[in-house]
Each structure stands twice: as C-alpha cells, then as structure tokens.
C-alpha cells in the first residue's frame, strides 16, 4: 500500500476450490493499486471471485440515545 495514502479499498481474492488456497485480503489506497495487487498475485489464474469494497472515509456516526427526559 502507498505509505502516503490511507487504505480506501479492501480487496479479497477467493480461489477455486481445487487450488486448495485460502482467500487472501489486500488493502489498497486506490483502484489502480488494487489492480496492481491483483496482477502481482502469483495465483491469479486460480482466482474465482474478487470482492472489492470501498471503505468509508470516517467511521459512521452512531446515533446516541436522548437522555434528556
């Protein structure tokens, strides 16, 4: 991952069952970096699914209960 950018994407690669490989997860700063990580995967020919998730910039605010009553 690029040191000057926080992770914005989580990419999980799931491999075909016959490969015997467990899923692997990478964190990437942008889509281009995610593509580079996929292309650099030595087992990319065995990839069955790619799960690419955009991460929120900040944690979502949780509604606080109104305790004023």
C-alpha atoms as a PDB file:
ATOM      1  CA  UNK A   1       0.000   0.000   0.000  1.00  0.00           C
ATOM      2  CA  UNK A   2       1.136   3.529  -0.680  1.00  0.00           C
ATOM      3  CA  UNK A   3       2.599   4.946   2.533  1.00  0.00           C
ATOM      4  CA  UNK A   4       1.266   8.467   1.950  1.00  0.00           C
ATOM      5  CA  UNK A   5      -2.374   7.384   1.429  1.00  0.00           C
ATOM      6  CA  UNK A   6      -4.718   5.632   3.852  1.00  0.00           C
ATOM      7  CA  UNK A   7      -6.426   2.456   2.652  1.00  0.00           C
ATOM      8  CA  UNK A   8      -9.675   3.171   0.825  1.00  0.00           C
ATOM      9  CA  UNK A   9     -10.278  -0.232  -0.750  1.00  0.00           C
ATOM     10  CA  UNK A  10     -10.346  -3.767   0.621  1.00  0.00           C
ATOM     11  CA  UNK A  11      -9.918  -6.499  -1.974  1.00  0.00           C
ATOM     12  CA  UNK A  12     -10.458 -10.147  -1.122  1.00  0.00           C
ATOM     13  CA  UNK A  13      -9.429 -12.773  -3.651  1.00  0.00           C
ATOM     14  CA  UNK A  14     -11.172 -16.138  -3.410  1.00  0.00           C
ATOM     15  CA  UNK A  15      -9.574 -19.025  -5.257  1.00  0.00           C
ATOM     16  CA  UNK A  16     -11.111 -22.052  -6.951  1.00  0.00           C
ATOM     17  CA  UNK A  17     -11.648 -24.961  -4.554  1.00  0.00           C
ATOM     18  CA  UNK A  18      -9.314 -27.273  -6.465  1.00  0.00           C
ATOM     19  CA  UNK A  19      -6.406 -24.872  -5.873  1.00  0.00           C
ATOM     20  CA  UNK A  20      -6.567 -25.510  -2.119  1.00  0.00           C
ATOM     21  CA  UNK A  21      -5.700 -21.859  -1.443  1.00  0.00           C
ATOM     22  CA  UNK A  22      -7.429 -19.839   1.282  1.00  0.00           C
ATOM     23  CA  UNK A  23      -8.846 -16.393   0.451  1.00  0.00           C
ATOM     24  CA  UNK A  24      -6.392 -13.503   0.746  1.00  0.00           C
ATOM     25  CA  UNK A  25      -7.224  -9.876   1.588  1.00  0.00           C
ATOM     26  CA  UNK A  26      -5.283  -6.810   0.462  1.00  0.00           C
ATOM     27  CA  UNK A  27      -5.715  -3.163   1.453  1.00  0.00           C
ATOM     28  CA  UNK A  28      -5.215  -0.560  -1.276  1.00  0.00           C
ATOM     29  CA  UNK A  29      -5.155   3.233  -1.382  1.00  0.00           C
ATOM     30  CA  UNK A  30      -6.980   3.408  -4.729  1.00  0.00           C
ATOM     31  CA  UNK A  31      -8.402   1.260  -7.521  1.00  0.00           C
ATOM     32  CA  UNK A  32      -5.180   1.351  -9.521  1.00  0.00           C
ATOM     33  CA  UNK A  33      -3.264  -0.073  -6.583  1.00  0.00           C
ATOM     34  CA  UNK A  34      -5.905  -2.794  -6.146  1.00  0.00           C
ATOM     35  CA  UNK A  35      -5.458  -3.773  -9.807  1.00  0.00           C
ATOM     36  CA  UNK A  36      -1.666  -3.818  -9.354  1.00  0.00           C
ATOM     37  CA  UNK A  37      -2.050  -6.120  -6.321  1.00  0.00           C
ATOM     38  CA  UNK A  38      -4.274  -8.480  -8.318  1.00  0.00           C
ATOM     39  CA  UNK A  39      -1.880  -8.537 -11.257  1.00  0.00           C
ATOM     40  CA  UNK A  40       1.050  -9.244  -8.915  1.00  0.00           C
ATOM     41  CA  UNK A  41      -0.725 -12.200  -7.261  1.00  0.00           C
ATOM     42  CA  UNK A  42       1.228 -15.338  -8.217  1.00  0.00           C
ATOM     43  CA  UNK A  43      -2.005 -17.367  -8.095  1.00  0.00           C
ATOM     44  CA  UNK A  44      -4.219 -15.008 -10.079  1.00  0.00           C
ATOM     45  CA  UNK A  45      -5.039 -17.723 -12.618  1.00  0.00           C
ATOM     46  CA  UNK A  46      -6.781 -19.610  -9.775  1.00  0.00           C
ATOM     47  CA  UNK A  47      -8.939 -16.624  -8.701  1.00  0.00           C
ATOM     48  CA  UNK A  48     -12.649 -17.353  -8.835  1.00  0.00           C
ATOM     49  CA  UNK A  49     -14.082 -14.238  -7.129  1.00  0.00           C
ATOM     50  CA  UNK A  50     -12.841 -10.721  -6.437  1.00  0.00           C
ATOM     51  CA  UNK A  51     -14.597  -8.829  -3.660  1.00  0.00           C
ATOM     52  CA  UNK A  52     -13.719  -5.138  -3.872  1.00  0.00           C
ATOM     53  CA  UNK A  53     -15.142  -2.920  -1.120  1.00  0.00           C
ATOM     54  CA  UNK A  54     -14.834   0.846  -0.801  1.00  0.00           C
ATOM     55  CA  UNK A  55     -14.087   1.715   2.833  1.00  0.00           C
ATOM     56  CA  UNK A  56     -15.712   4.739   4.497  1.00  0.00           C
ATOM     57  CA  UNK A  57     -13.534   7.794   4.975  1.00  0.00           C
ATOM     58  CA  UNK A  58     -14.613   8.053   8.619  1.00  0.00           C
ATOM     59  CA  UNK A  59     -16.407   5.645  10.884  1.00  0.00           C
ATOM     60  CA  UNK A  60     -20.152   6.154  10.652  1.00  0.00           C
ATOM     61  CA  UNK A  61     -21.628   8.169  13.477  1.00  0.00           C
ATOM     62  CA  UNK A  62     -23.708   6.126  15.858  1.00  0.00           C
ATOM     63  CA  UNK A  63     -26.938   7.737  16.992  1.00  0.00           C
ATOM     64  CA  UNK A  64     -26.842   8.419  20.719  1.00  0.00           C
ATOM     65  CA  UNK A  65     -29.990   7.906  22.781  1.00  0.00           C
ATOM     66  CA  UNK A  66     -31.706  11.053  24.030  1.00  0.00           C
ATOM     67  CA  UNK A  67     -31.209  11.025  27.823  1.00  0.00           C
ATOM     68  CA  UNK A  68     -32.748  14.452  28.485  1.00  0.00           C
ATOM     69  CA  UNK A  69     -36.086  13.047  29.802  1.00  0.00           C
END
